[in-house]
């Protein structure tokens, strides 16, 4: 049994170091409340560009949009950069495991990534979003199967499935098959329909689901960003309303959903509940039909360029 925390807060858009410093304070707060695991929203470090078009329409891009993308890229992080180094220090200091959504820069490509930080291991694992949703495909690259493994920890097996990846049945099945017990769902989806999705996942996989979404207002973005909205929104309007929550393997909502405020949700997690409930249902065991259905998962890293020596 341990206490988990889900952070519902705003990042500091285009300011990854300031966001990391804010996250460090939130981790310390959760640790003081007894949390052993803290889950942050999708794209917390680097920012989720809700509502931005980056100057794109079908068949045309603009110089203003390219400049906007350059600023967004400059606000992304690398896995070995100073922002995550700060968070690794805080994790070691507090003894807390952290799952953090970041915008990761690899060369000239951005990925929407979830990193798992552990007190002794530092960067214990990372997962790059397999399928950016809608217009996210303009600004983010596609992850591959090499980053979908859950992370072993003293708390249980921690897996990360980002936002609408949760609507990919084959990916969910792959996560269950790898023994995921603590199913983290960093997201930018603040709609009312998200809560039943999280309940379904918890029941289907017999996993604890921890879903974290930002609560952030338009006025927290810089002026150049707000120009995309014209007169359609006021600075006090929420671009993302939150809706973070924690669900048990039996579908019981343990905390949340909460909207229109920054907060930290807490719940006690007993991974034995999921194992006990497998007497009813084990989606990758006695309730599967491998004689009829079979899933093959490619976990080979996909390299766009391979150099072969003579």
C-alpha atoms as a PDB file:
ATOM      1  CA  UNK A   1       0.000   0.000   0.000  1.00  0.00           C
ATOM      2  CA  UNK A   2       1.289   3.456  -0.872  1.00  0.00           C
ATOM      3  CA  UNK A   3      -0.077   6.936  -1.494  1.00  0.00           C
ATOM      4  CA  UNK A   4      -0.153   8.291  -5.040  1.00  0.00           C
ATOM      5  CA  UNK A   5      -0.536  11.910  -6.107  1.00  0.00           C
ATOM      6  CA  UNK A   6      -1.864  13.328  -9.378  1.00  0.00           C
ATOM      7  CA  UNK A   7      -0.863  16.921 -10.105  1.00  0.00           C
ATOM      8  CA  UNK A   8      -3.368  19.180 -11.842  1.00  0.00           C
ATOM      9  CA  UNK A   9      -1.535  22.418 -12.490  1.00  0.00           C
ATOM     10  CA  UNK A  10      -0.365  24.720 -15.266  1.00  0.00           C
ATOM     11  CA  UNK A  11       3.064  24.620 -16.795  1.00  0.00           C
ATOM     12  CA  UNK A  12       4.924  27.808 -17.691  1.00  0.00           C
ATOM     13  CA  UNK A  13       4.604  27.706 -21.493  1.00  0.00           C
ATOM     14  CA  UNK A  14       7.849  28.123 -23.454  1.00  0.00           C
ATOM     15  CA  UNK A  15       9.791  28.269 -20.141  1.00  0.00           C
ATOM     16  CA  UNK A  16      10.962  24.714 -19.339  1.00  0.00           C
ATOM     17  CA  UNK A  17      13.346  25.692 -16.532  1.00  0.00           C
ATOM     18  CA  UNK A  18      10.669  27.705 -14.735  1.00  0.00           C
ATOM     19  CA  UNK A  19       8.261  24.799 -15.235  1.00  0.00           C
ATOM     20  CA  UNK A  20      10.821  22.373 -13.791  1.00  0.00           C
ATOM     21  CA  UNK A  21      11.226  24.625 -10.752  1.00  0.00           C
ATOM     22  CA  UNK A  22       7.437  24.713 -10.303  1.00  0.00           C
ATOM     23  CA  UNK A  23       7.282  20.934 -10.659  1.00  0.00           C
ATOM     24  CA  UNK A  24      10.034  20.536  -8.068  1.00  0.00           C
ATOM     25  CA  UNK A  25       7.930  22.478  -5.557  1.00  0.00           C
ATOM     26  CA  UNK A  26       4.864  20.359  -6.327  1.00  0.00           C
ATOM     27  CA  UNK A  27       6.856  17.139  -5.876  1.00  0.00           C
ATOM     28  CA  UNK A  28       8.094  18.327  -2.493  1.00  0.00           C
ATOM     29  CA  UNK A  29       4.544  19.241  -1.475  1.00  0.00           C
ATOM     30  CA  UNK A  30       3.254  15.793  -2.461  1.00  0.00           C
ATOM     31  CA  UNK A  31       6.142  14.119  -0.655  1.00  0.00           C
ATOM     32  CA  UNK A  32       5.311  16.059   2.511  1.00  0.00           C
ATOM     33  CA  UNK A  33       1.775  14.647   2.231  1.00  0.00           C
ATOM     34  CA  UNK A  34       3.196  11.130   2.144  1.00  0.00           C
ATOM     35  CA  UNK A  35       3.033  10.422  -1.587  1.00  0.00           C
ATOM     36  CA  UNK A  36       5.434   7.851  -3.035  1.00  0.00           C
ATOM     37  CA  UNK A  37       4.398   8.409  -6.662  1.00  0.00           C
ATOM     38  CA  UNK A  38       3.566  11.729  -8.354  1.00  0.00           C
ATOM     39  CA  UNK A  39       2.037  11.886 -11.838  1.00  0.00           C
ATOM     40  CA  UNK A  40       2.096  15.074 -13.950  1.00  0.00           C
ATOM     41  CA  UNK A  41       0.093  15.968 -17.096  1.00  0.00           C
ATOM     42  CA  UNK A  42       0.971  15.490 -20.737  1.00  0.00           C
ATOM     43  CA  UNK A  43       3.539  17.971 -22.090  1.00  0.00           C
ATOM     44  CA  UNK A  44       4.009  19.619 -18.689  1.00  0.00           C
ATOM     45  CA  UNK A  45       7.666  20.391 -19.410  1.00  0.00           C
ATOM     46  CA  UNK A  46       7.657  22.165 -22.767  1.00  0.00           C
ATOM     47  CA  UNK A  47       3.950  22.965 -22.794  1.00  0.00           C
ATOM     48  CA  UNK A  48       0.855  21.788 -24.607  1.00  0.00           C
ATOM     49  CA  UNK A  49       0.056  24.303 -27.402  1.00  0.00           C
ATOM     50  CA  UNK A  50      -3.733  24.075 -27.095  1.00  0.00           C
ATOM     51  CA  UNK A  51      -5.489  26.027 -29.825  1.00  0.00           C
ATOM     52  CA  UNK A  52      -2.398  27.017 -31.789  1.00  0.00           C
ATOM     53  CA  UNK A  53      -2.368  26.545 -35.556  1.00  0.00           C
ATOM     54  CA  UNK A  54       1.370  27.196 -36.129  1.00  0.00           C
ATOM     55  CA  UNK A  55       0.379  28.980 -39.328  1.00  0.00           C
ATOM     56  CA  UNK A  56      -0.738  25.775 -41.018  1.00  0.00           C
ATOM     57  CA  UNK A  57      -3.553  24.941 -43.392  1.00  0.00           C
ATOM     58  CA  UNK A  58      -3.599  22.177 -45.991  1.00  0.00           C
ATOM     59  CA  UNK A  59      -1.045  23.015 -48.674  1.00  0.00           C
ATOM     60  CA  UNK A  60       0.340  26.149 -47.018  1.00  0.00           C
ATOM     61  CA  UNK A  61       2.496  27.256 -44.086  1.00  0.00           C
ATOM     62  CA  UNK A  62       3.490  30.753 -42.990  1.00  0.00           C
ATOM     63  CA  UNK A  63       6.709  32.356 -41.812  1.00  0.00           C
ATOM     64  CA  UNK A  64       4.918  33.479 -38.643  1.00  0.00           C
ATOM     65  CA  UNK A  65       3.935  29.876 -37.969  1.00  0.00           C
ATOM     66  CA  UNK A  66       7.484  28.667 -38.545  1.00  0.00           C
ATOM     67  CA  UNK A  67       8.776  31.275 -36.090  1.00  0.00           C
ATOM     68  CA  UNK A  68       6.173  30.087 -33.578  1.00  0.00           C
ATOM     69  CA  UNK A  69       7.332  26.493 -34.032  1.00  0.00           C
ATOM     70  CA  UNK A  70      10.956  27.536 -33.571  1.00  0.00           C
ATOM     71  CA  UNK A  71      10.076  29.118 -30.214  1.00  0.00           C
ATOM     72  CA  UNK A  72       8.185  25.980 -29.251  1.00  0.00           C
ATOM     73  CA  UNK A  73      11.180  23.833 -30.180  1.00  0.00           C
ATOM     74  CA  UNK A  74      13.482  26.057 -28.142  1.00  0.00           C
ATOM     75  CA  UNK A  75      11.187  25.474 -25.162  1.00  0.00           C
ATOM     76  CA  UNK A  76      11.463  21.676 -25.441  1.00  0.00           C
ATOM     77  CA  UNK A  77      13.819  19.566 -23.324  1.00  0.00           C
ATOM     78  CA  UNK A  78      16.344  16.794 -23.845  1.00  0.00           C
ATOM     79  CA  UNK A  79      16.459  13.737 -21.616  1.00  0.00           C
ATOM     80  CA  UNK A  80      19.943  14.705 -20.424  1.00  0.00           C
ATOM     81  CA  UNK A  81      19.182  18.426 -20.076  1.00  0.00           C
ATOM     82  CA  UNK A  82      19.189  20.672 -16.995  1.00  0.00           C
ATOM     83  CA  UNK A  83      15.411  20.587 -16.458  1.00  0.00           C
ATOM     84  CA  UNK A  84      15.226  16.840 -15.935  1.00  0.00           C
ATOM     85  CA  UNK A  85      18.516  16.956 -14.022  1.00  0.00           C
ATOM     86  CA  UNK A  86      16.804  19.248 -11.504  1.00  0.00           C
ATOM     87  CA  UNK A  87      13.875  16.859 -11.200  1.00  0.00           C
ATOM     88  CA  UNK A  88      16.189  13.877 -10.768  1.00  0.00           C
ATOM     89  CA  UNK A  89      17.772  15.719  -7.840  1.00  0.00           C
ATOM     90  CA  UNK A  90      14.358  16.341  -6.270  1.00  0.00           C
ATOM     91  CA  UNK A  91      13.361  12.709  -6.766  1.00  0.00           C
ATOM     92  CA  UNK A  92      16.572  11.559  -5.049  1.00  0.00           C
ATOM     93  CA  UNK A  93      16.002  14.096  -2.260  1.00  0.00           C
ATOM     94  CA  UNK A  94      12.381  13.121  -1.571  1.00  0.00           C
ATOM     95  CA  UNK A  95      12.469   9.407  -2.415  1.00  0.00           C
ATOM     96  CA  UNK A  96       9.402   9.877  -4.635  1.00  0.00           C
ATOM     97  CA  UNK A  97       8.836   8.271  -8.045  1.00  0.00           C
ATOM     98  CA  UNK A  98       7.656  10.747 -10.694  1.00  0.00           C
ATOM     99  CA  UNK A  99       5.921  10.333 -14.048  1.00  0.00           C
ATOM    100  CA  UNK A 100       6.298  13.551 -16.029  1.00  0.00           C
ATOM    101  CA  UNK A 101       4.955  14.578 -19.430  1.00  0.00           C
ATOM    102  CA  UNK A 102       7.575  16.430 -21.486  1.00  0.00           C
ATOM    103  CA  UNK A 103       8.101  17.768 -24.980  1.00  0.00           C
ATOM    104  CA  UNK A 104      11.351  16.059 -25.899  1.00  0.00           C
ATOM    105  CA  UNK A 105      13.708  17.437 -28.537  1.00  0.00           C
ATOM    106  CA  UNK A 106      15.720  14.856 -30.489  1.00  0.00           C
ATOM    107  CA  UNK A 107      17.778  16.532 -33.189  1.00  0.00           C
ATOM    108  CA  UNK A 108      15.229  18.679 -35.028  1.00  0.00           C
ATOM    109  CA  UNK A 109      12.173  16.610 -34.144  1.00  0.00           C
ATOM    110  CA  UNK A 110       9.905  16.939 -31.127  1.00  0.00           C
ATOM    111  CA  UNK A 111       8.239  14.043 -29.328  1.00  0.00           C
ATOM    112  CA  UNK A 112       5.472  14.052 -26.768  1.00  0.00           C
ATOM    113  CA  UNK A 113       7.143  11.890 -24.125  1.00  0.00           C
ATOM    114  CA  UNK A 114       6.382  10.560 -20.667  1.00  0.00           C
ATOM    115  CA  UNK A 115       9.440  10.036 -18.466  1.00  0.00           C
ATOM    116  CA  UNK A 116       9.584   7.973 -15.284  1.00  0.00           C
ATOM    117  CA  UNK A 117      12.053   9.138 -12.650  1.00  0.00           C
ATOM    118  CA  UNK A 118      13.108   6.916  -9.734  1.00  0.00           C
ATOM    119  CA  UNK A 119      15.042   7.835  -6.557  1.00  0.00           C
ATOM    120  CA  UNK A 120      17.987   5.526  -7.230  1.00  0.00           C
ATOM    121  CA  UNK A 121      17.863   5.004 -10.988  1.00  0.00           C
ATOM    122  CA  UNK A 122      17.262   8.614 -12.046  1.00  0.00           C
ATOM    123  CA  UNK A 123      15.720   8.322 -15.520  1.00  0.00           C
ATOM    124  CA  UNK A 124      14.199   4.850 -15.138  1.00  0.00           C
ATOM    125  CA  UNK A 125      12.274   4.866 -18.412  1.00  0.00           C
ATOM    126  CA  UNK A 126      10.571   6.943 -21.065  1.00  0.00           C
ATOM    127  CA  UNK A 127       7.761   6.499 -23.567  1.00  0.00           C
ATOM    128  CA  UNK A 128       7.311   8.514 -26.766  1.00  0.00           C
ATOM    129  CA  UNK A 129       3.713   8.949 -27.890  1.00  0.00           C
ATOM    130  CA  UNK A 130       3.031   6.455 -30.672  1.00  0.00           C
ATOM    131  CA  UNK A 131       0.316   8.427 -32.461  1.00  0.00           C
ATOM    132  CA  UNK A 132       0.017  12.196 -32.088  1.00  0.00           C
ATOM    133  CA  UNK A 133      -3.635  13.170 -32.310  1.00  0.00           C
ATOM    134  CA  UNK A 134      -5.000  15.337 -35.118  1.00  0.00           C
ATOM    135  CA  UNK A 135      -2.902  18.438 -35.696  1.00  0.00           C
ATOM    136  CA  UNK A 136      -0.368  17.284 -33.111  1.00  0.00           C
ATOM    137  CA  UNK A 137       1.090  15.345 -36.061  1.00  0.00           C
ATOM    138  CA  UNK A 138       2.281  18.640 -37.546  1.00  0.00           C
ATOM    139  CA  UNK A 139       4.540  19.430 -34.586  1.00  0.00           C
ATOM    140  CA  UNK A 140       5.410  16.044 -33.012  1.00  0.00           C
ATOM    141  CA  UNK A 141       7.110  12.945 -34.341  1.00  0.00           C
ATOM    142  CA  UNK A 142       5.850   9.365 -33.947  1.00  0.00           C
ATOM    143  CA  UNK A 143       7.288   7.115 -31.258  1.00  0.00           C
ATOM    144  CA  UNK A 144       7.979   3.418 -31.821  1.00  0.00           C
ATOM    145  CA  UNK A 145       7.478   0.186 -29.918  1.00  0.00           C
ATOM    146  CA  UNK A 146      10.897   0.322 -28.253  1.00  0.00           C
ATOM    147  CA  UNK A 147       9.599   2.710 -25.560  1.00  0.00           C
ATOM    148  CA  UNK A 148       6.375   1.006 -24.451  1.00  0.00           C
ATOM    149  CA  UNK A 149       7.745  -1.177 -21.653  1.00  0.00           C
ATOM    150  CA  UNK A 150       6.537  -0.398 -18.118  1.00  0.00           C
ATOM    151  CA  UNK A 151       9.074   0.423 -15.415  1.00  0.00           C
ATOM    152  CA  UNK A 152       9.690  -1.958 -12.521  1.00  0.00           C
ATOM    153  CA  UNK A 153       9.615  -0.222  -9.152  1.00  0.00           C
ATOM    154  CA  UNK A 154       9.126  -1.127  -5.476  1.00  0.00           C
ATOM    155  CA  UNK A 155       5.594   0.275  -5.892  1.00  0.00           C
ATOM    156  CA  UNK A 156       4.674  -2.026  -8.780  1.00  0.00           C
ATOM    157  CA  UNK A 157       5.029  -1.962 -12.558  1.00  0.00           C
ATOM    158  CA  UNK A 158       4.493   1.630 -13.737  1.00  0.00           C
ATOM    159  CA  UNK A 159       3.276   2.095 -17.314  1.00  0.00           C
ATOM    160  CA  UNK A 160       2.534   5.283 -19.255  1.00  0.00           C
ATOM    161  CA  UNK A 161      -0.086   5.682 -21.976  1.00  0.00           C
ATOM    162  CA  UNK A 162      -0.459   9.254 -23.222  1.00  0.00           C
ATOM    163  CA  UNK A 163      -3.813  10.913 -23.938  1.00  0.00           C
ATOM    164  CA  UNK A 164      -5.602   9.369 -26.946  1.00  0.00           C
ATOM    165  CA  UNK A 165      -3.211   6.421 -27.038  1.00  0.00           C
ATOM    166  CA  UNK A 166      -5.773   5.192 -24.504  1.00  0.00           C
ATOM    167  CA  UNK A 167      -8.199   4.777 -27.415  1.00  0.00           C
ATOM    168  CA  UNK A 168      -5.816   2.318 -29.133  1.00  0.00           C
ATOM    169  CA  UNK A 169      -7.088  -1.140 -28.039  1.00  0.00           C
ATOM    170  CA  UNK A 170      -3.955  -2.947 -29.239  1.00  0.00           C
ATOM    171  CA  UNK A 171      -1.711  -0.621 -27.242  1.00  0.00           C
ATOM    172  CA  UNK A 172      -3.775  -1.097 -24.089  1.00  0.00           C
ATOM    173  CA  UNK A 173      -3.557  -4.865 -24.589  1.00  0.00           C
ATOM    174  CA  UNK A 174       0.213  -4.613 -24.966  1.00  0.00           C
ATOM    175  CA  UNK A 175       0.478  -2.675 -21.705  1.00  0.00           C
ATOM    176  CA  UNK A 176      -1.654  -5.203 -19.820  1.00  0.00           C
ATOM    177  CA  UNK A 177       0.362  -8.091 -21.298  1.00  0.00           C
ATOM    178  CA  UNK A 178       3.559  -6.544 -19.894  1.00  0.00           C
ATOM    179  CA  UNK A 179       2.159  -6.668 -16.383  1.00  0.00           C
ATOM    180  CA  UNK A 180       1.363  -2.999 -15.898  1.00  0.00           C
ATOM    181  CA  UNK A 181      -0.139  -2.450 -12.447  1.00  0.00           C
ATOM    182  CA  UNK A 182      -0.001   1.339 -12.103  1.00  0.00           C
ATOM    183  CA  UNK A 183      -1.333   2.764 -15.344  1.00  0.00           C
ATOM    184  CA  UNK A 184      -0.419   6.438 -15.748  1.00  0.00           C
ATOM    185  CA  UNK A 185      -2.391   8.474 -18.283  1.00  0.00           C
ATOM    186  CA  UNK A 186      -0.932  11.964 -18.759  1.00  0.00           C
ATOM    187  CA  UNK A 187      -3.412  13.796 -20.967  1.00  0.00           C
ATOM    188  CA  UNK A 188      -4.605  17.066 -22.469  1.00  0.00           C
ATOM    189  CA  UNK A 189      -8.200  15.814 -22.759  1.00  0.00           C
ATOM    190  CA  UNK A 190     -10.350  17.810 -20.334  1.00  0.00           C
ATOM    191  CA  UNK A 191     -13.728  16.720 -21.683  1.00  0.00           C
ATOM    192  CA  UNK A 192     -16.432  15.053 -19.607  1.00  0.00           C
ATOM    193  CA  UNK A 193     -16.082  11.941 -21.789  1.00  0.00           C
ATOM    194  CA  UNK A 194     -12.555  11.324 -20.490  1.00  0.00           C
ATOM    195  CA  UNK A 195     -13.675  10.068 -17.068  1.00  0.00           C
ATOM    196  CA  UNK A 196     -15.618   7.052 -18.375  1.00  0.00           C
ATOM    197  CA  UNK A 197     -12.631   6.180 -20.569  1.00  0.00           C
ATOM    198  CA  UNK A 198     -10.389   6.019 -17.503  1.00  0.00           C
ATOM    199  CA  UNK A 199     -12.934   3.901 -15.631  1.00  0.00           C
ATOM    200  CA  UNK A 200     -13.139   1.515 -18.578  1.00  0.00           C
ATOM    201  CA  UNK A 201      -9.338   1.174 -18.754  1.00  0.00           C
ATOM    202  CA  UNK A 202      -9.132   0.448 -15.023  1.00  0.00           C
ATOM    203  CA  UNK A 203     -11.769  -2.275 -15.261  1.00  0.00           C
ATOM    204  CA  UNK A 204     -10.417  -3.743 -18.483  1.00  0.00           C
ATOM    205  CA  UNK A 205      -6.818  -3.998 -17.332  1.00  0.00           C
ATOM    206  CA  UNK A 206      -7.533  -4.445 -13.604  1.00  0.00           C
ATOM    207  CA  UNK A 207      -5.065  -1.632 -13.021  1.00  0.00           C
ATOM    208  CA  UNK A 208      -4.977   1.524 -10.960  1.00  0.00           C
ATOM    209  CA  UNK A 209      -5.343   4.439 -13.385  1.00  0.00           C
ATOM    210  CA  UNK A 210      -3.795   7.824 -12.583  1.00  0.00           C
ATOM    211  CA  UNK A 211      -4.832  10.491 -15.089  1.00  0.00           C
ATOM    212  CA  UNK A 212      -3.337  13.987 -14.968  1.00  0.00           C
ATOM    213  CA  UNK A 213      -4.389  17.006 -17.056  1.00  0.00           C
ATOM    214  CA  UNK A 214      -3.333  20.637 -16.819  1.00  0.00           C
ATOM    215  CA  UNK A 215      -5.575  23.398 -15.544  1.00  0.00           C
ATOM    216  CA  UNK A 216      -4.255  26.403 -17.445  1.00  0.00           C
ATOM    217  CA  UNK A 217      -5.710  29.746 -18.538  1.00  0.00           C
ATOM    218  CA  UNK A 218      -5.075  31.574 -21.798  1.00  0.00           C
ATOM    219  CA  UNK A 219      -3.453  34.452 -19.906  1.00  0.00           C
ATOM    220  CA  UNK A 220      -0.665  32.139 -18.742  1.00  0.00           C
ATOM    221  CA  UNK A 221       0.606  31.898 -22.329  1.00  0.00           C
ATOM    222  CA  UNK A 222       2.846  34.659 -23.788  1.00  0.00           C
ATOM    223  CA  UNK A 223       1.255  37.474 -25.859  1.00  0.00           C
ATOM    224  CA  UNK A 224       2.473  36.190 -29.252  1.00  0.00           C
ATOM    225  CA  UNK A 225       0.710  32.883 -28.565  1.00  0.00           C
ATOM    226  CA  UNK A 226      -2.580  34.521 -27.623  1.00  0.00           C
ATOM    227  CA  UNK A 227      -2.740  36.279 -31.009  1.00  0.00           C
ATOM    228  CA  UNK A 228      -4.045  33.034 -32.540  1.00  0.00           C
ATOM    229  CA  UNK A 229      -7.204  33.413 -30.477  1.00  0.00           C
ATOM    230  CA  UNK A 230      -8.094  37.010 -31.467  1.00  0.00           C
ATOM    231  CA  UNK A 231     -11.219  38.104 -29.610  1.00  0.00           C
ATOM    232  CA  UNK A 232     -12.533  34.568 -29.201  1.00  0.00           C
ATOM    233  CA  UNK A 233     -11.168  34.021 -25.691  1.00  0.00           C
ATOM    234  CA  UNK A 234     -10.286  36.112 -22.642  1.00  0.00           C
ATOM    235  CA  UNK A 235      -7.161  35.752 -20.529  1.00  0.00           C
ATOM    236  CA  UNK A 236      -9.220  34.270 -17.673  1.00  0.00           C
ATOM    237  CA  UNK A 237     -10.660  31.518 -19.865  1.00  0.00           C
ATOM    238  CA  UNK A 238      -9.327  28.019 -19.262  1.00  0.00           C
ATOM    239  CA  UNK A 239      -7.694  26.441 -22.303  1.00  0.00           C
ATOM    240  CA  UNK A 240      -7.519  23.174 -20.364  1.00  0.00           C
ATOM    241  CA  UNK A 241      -9.862  22.654 -17.419  1.00  0.00           C
ATOM    242  CA  UNK A 242      -8.255  19.634 -15.769  1.00  0.00           C
ATOM    243  CA  UNK A 243     -10.480  16.665 -14.998  1.00  0.00           C
ATOM    244  CA  UNK A 244      -7.654  14.685 -13.372  1.00  0.00           C
ATOM    245  CA  UNK A 245      -8.627  11.549 -11.486  1.00  0.00           C
ATOM    246  CA  UNK A 246      -7.547   8.285  -9.855  1.00  0.00           C
ATOM    247  CA  UNK A 247      -9.472   5.036 -10.433  1.00  0.00           C
ATOM    248  CA  UNK A 248      -9.171   1.615  -8.765  1.00  0.00           C
ATOM    249  CA  UNK A 249      -8.978  -1.711 -10.667  1.00  0.00           C
ATOM    250  CA  UNK A 250     -12.635  -2.274  -9.787  1.00  0.00           C
ATOM    251  CA  UNK A 251     -13.685   0.978 -11.461  1.00  0.00           C
ATOM    252  CA  UNK A 252     -14.128   2.925  -8.223  1.00  0.00           C
ATOM    253  CA  UNK A 253     -13.204   6.589  -8.576  1.00  0.00           C
ATOM    254  CA  UNK A 254     -10.823   7.238  -5.686  1.00  0.00           C
ATOM    255  CA  UNK A 255     -10.207  10.931  -6.408  1.00  0.00           C
ATOM    256  CA  UNK A 256     -11.537  13.535  -8.849  1.00  0.00           C
ATOM    257  CA  UNK A 257     -12.372  14.439 -11.463  1.00  0.00           C
ATOM    258  CA  UNK A 258     -11.761  18.082 -10.553  1.00  0.00           C
ATOM    259  CA  UNK A 259     -12.098  21.027 -12.938  1.00  0.00           C
ATOM    260  CA  UNK A 260     -11.089  24.699 -13.206  1.00  0.00           C
ATOM    261  CA  UNK A 261      -8.494  24.761 -10.439  1.00  0.00           C
ATOM    262  CA  UNK A 262      -4.935  23.788  -9.656  1.00  0.00           C
ATOM    263  CA  UNK A 263      -4.777  20.985  -7.118  1.00  0.00           C
ATOM    264  CA  UNK A 264      -3.080  17.734  -6.145  1.00  0.00           C
ATOM    265  CA  UNK A 265      -5.261  14.628  -5.858  1.00  0.00           C
ATOM    266  CA  UNK A 266      -4.277  11.804  -3.515  1.00  0.00           C
ATOM    267  CA  UNK A 267      -5.333   8.183  -3.122  1.00  0.00           C
ATOM    268  CA  UNK A 268      -4.043   5.037  -1.420  1.00  0.00           C
ATOM    269  CA  UNK A 269      -2.946   2.394  -3.932  1.00  0.00           C
ATOM    270  CA  UNK A 270      -2.962  -1.336  -3.194  1.00  0.00           C
ATOM    271  CA  UNK A 271      -1.832  -3.276  -6.254  1.00  0.00           C
ATOM    272  CA  UNK A 272      -3.147  -6.445  -4.632  1.00  0.00           C
ATOM    273  CA  UNK A 273      -6.676  -5.242  -5.429  1.00  0.00           C
ATOM    274  CA  UNK A 274      -6.015  -5.684  -9.140  1.00  0.00           C
ATOM    275  CA  UNK A 275      -4.503  -9.134  -8.691  1.00  0.00           C
ATOM    276  CA  UNK A 276      -7.403 -10.262  -6.507  1.00  0.00           C
ATOM    277  CA  UNK A 277      -9.912  -9.039  -9.082  1.00  0.00           C
ATOM    278  CA  UNK A 278      -8.357 -11.285 -11.732  1.00  0.00           C
ATOM    279  CA  UNK A 279     -10.585 -14.029 -10.347  1.00  0.00           C
ATOM    280  CA  UNK A 280     -13.284 -12.250 -12.387  1.00  0.00           C
ATOM    281  CA  UNK A 281     -11.345 -11.129 -15.395  1.00  0.00           C
ATOM    282  CA  UNK A 282      -7.837 -11.305 -16.809  1.00  0.00           C
ATOM    283  CA  UNK A 283      -7.784  -9.746 -20.260  1.00  0.00           C
ATOM    284  CA  UNK A 284      -4.415 -11.312 -21.138  1.00  0.00           C
ATOM    285  CA  UNK A 285      -5.035 -14.580 -19.304  1.00  0.00           C
ATOM    286  CA  UNK A 286      -8.094 -16.706 -18.697  1.00  0.00           C
ATOM    287  CA  UNK A 287     -10.426 -14.191 -20.423  1.00  0.00           C
ATOM    288  CA  UNK A 288      -8.409 -14.139 -23.631  1.00  0.00           C
ATOM    289  CA  UNK A 289      -8.843 -16.436 -26.630  1.00  0.00           C
ATOM    290  CA  UNK A 290      -5.396 -16.773 -28.208  1.00  0.00           C
ATOM    291  CA  UNK A 291      -6.765 -19.507 -30.476  1.00  0.00           C
ATOM    292  CA  UNK A 292      -8.880 -16.781 -32.119  1.00  0.00           C
ATOM    293  CA  UNK A 293      -7.142 -13.463 -31.391  1.00  0.00           C
ATOM    294  CA  UNK A 294      -3.409 -12.828 -31.464  1.00  0.00           C
ATOM    295  CA  UNK A 295      -1.500  -9.559 -31.139  1.00  0.00           C
ATOM    296  CA  UNK A 296       2.077  -9.119 -32.384  1.00  0.00           C
ATOM    297  CA  UNK A 297       4.017  -6.129 -31.044  1.00  0.00           C
ATOM    298  CA  UNK A 298       7.173  -4.800 -32.716  1.00  0.00           C
ATOM    299  CA  UNK A 299       9.507  -3.410 -30.036  1.00  0.00           C
ATOM    300  CA  UNK A 300      12.489  -2.883 -32.354  1.00  0.00           C
ATOM    301  CA  UNK A 301      13.825   0.699 -32.398  1.00  0.00           C
ATOM    302  CA  UNK A 302      13.068   2.238 -35.797  1.00  0.00           C
ATOM    303  CA  UNK A 303      16.056   4.174 -37.187  1.00  0.00           C
ATOM    304  CA  UNK A 304      15.501   6.418 -40.248  1.00  0.00           C
ATOM    305  CA  UNK A 305      19.155   6.163 -41.255  1.00  0.00           C
ATOM    306  CA  UNK A 306      21.435   3.169 -40.743  1.00  0.00           C
ATOM    307  CA  UNK A 307      25.166   3.410 -41.449  1.00  0.00           C
ATOM    308  CA  UNK A 308      26.885   0.154 -42.372  1.00  0.00           C
ATOM    309  CA  UNK A 309      30.681  -0.086 -42.417  1.00  0.00           C
ATOM    310  CA  UNK A 310      32.361  -1.723 -45.396  1.00  0.00           C
END
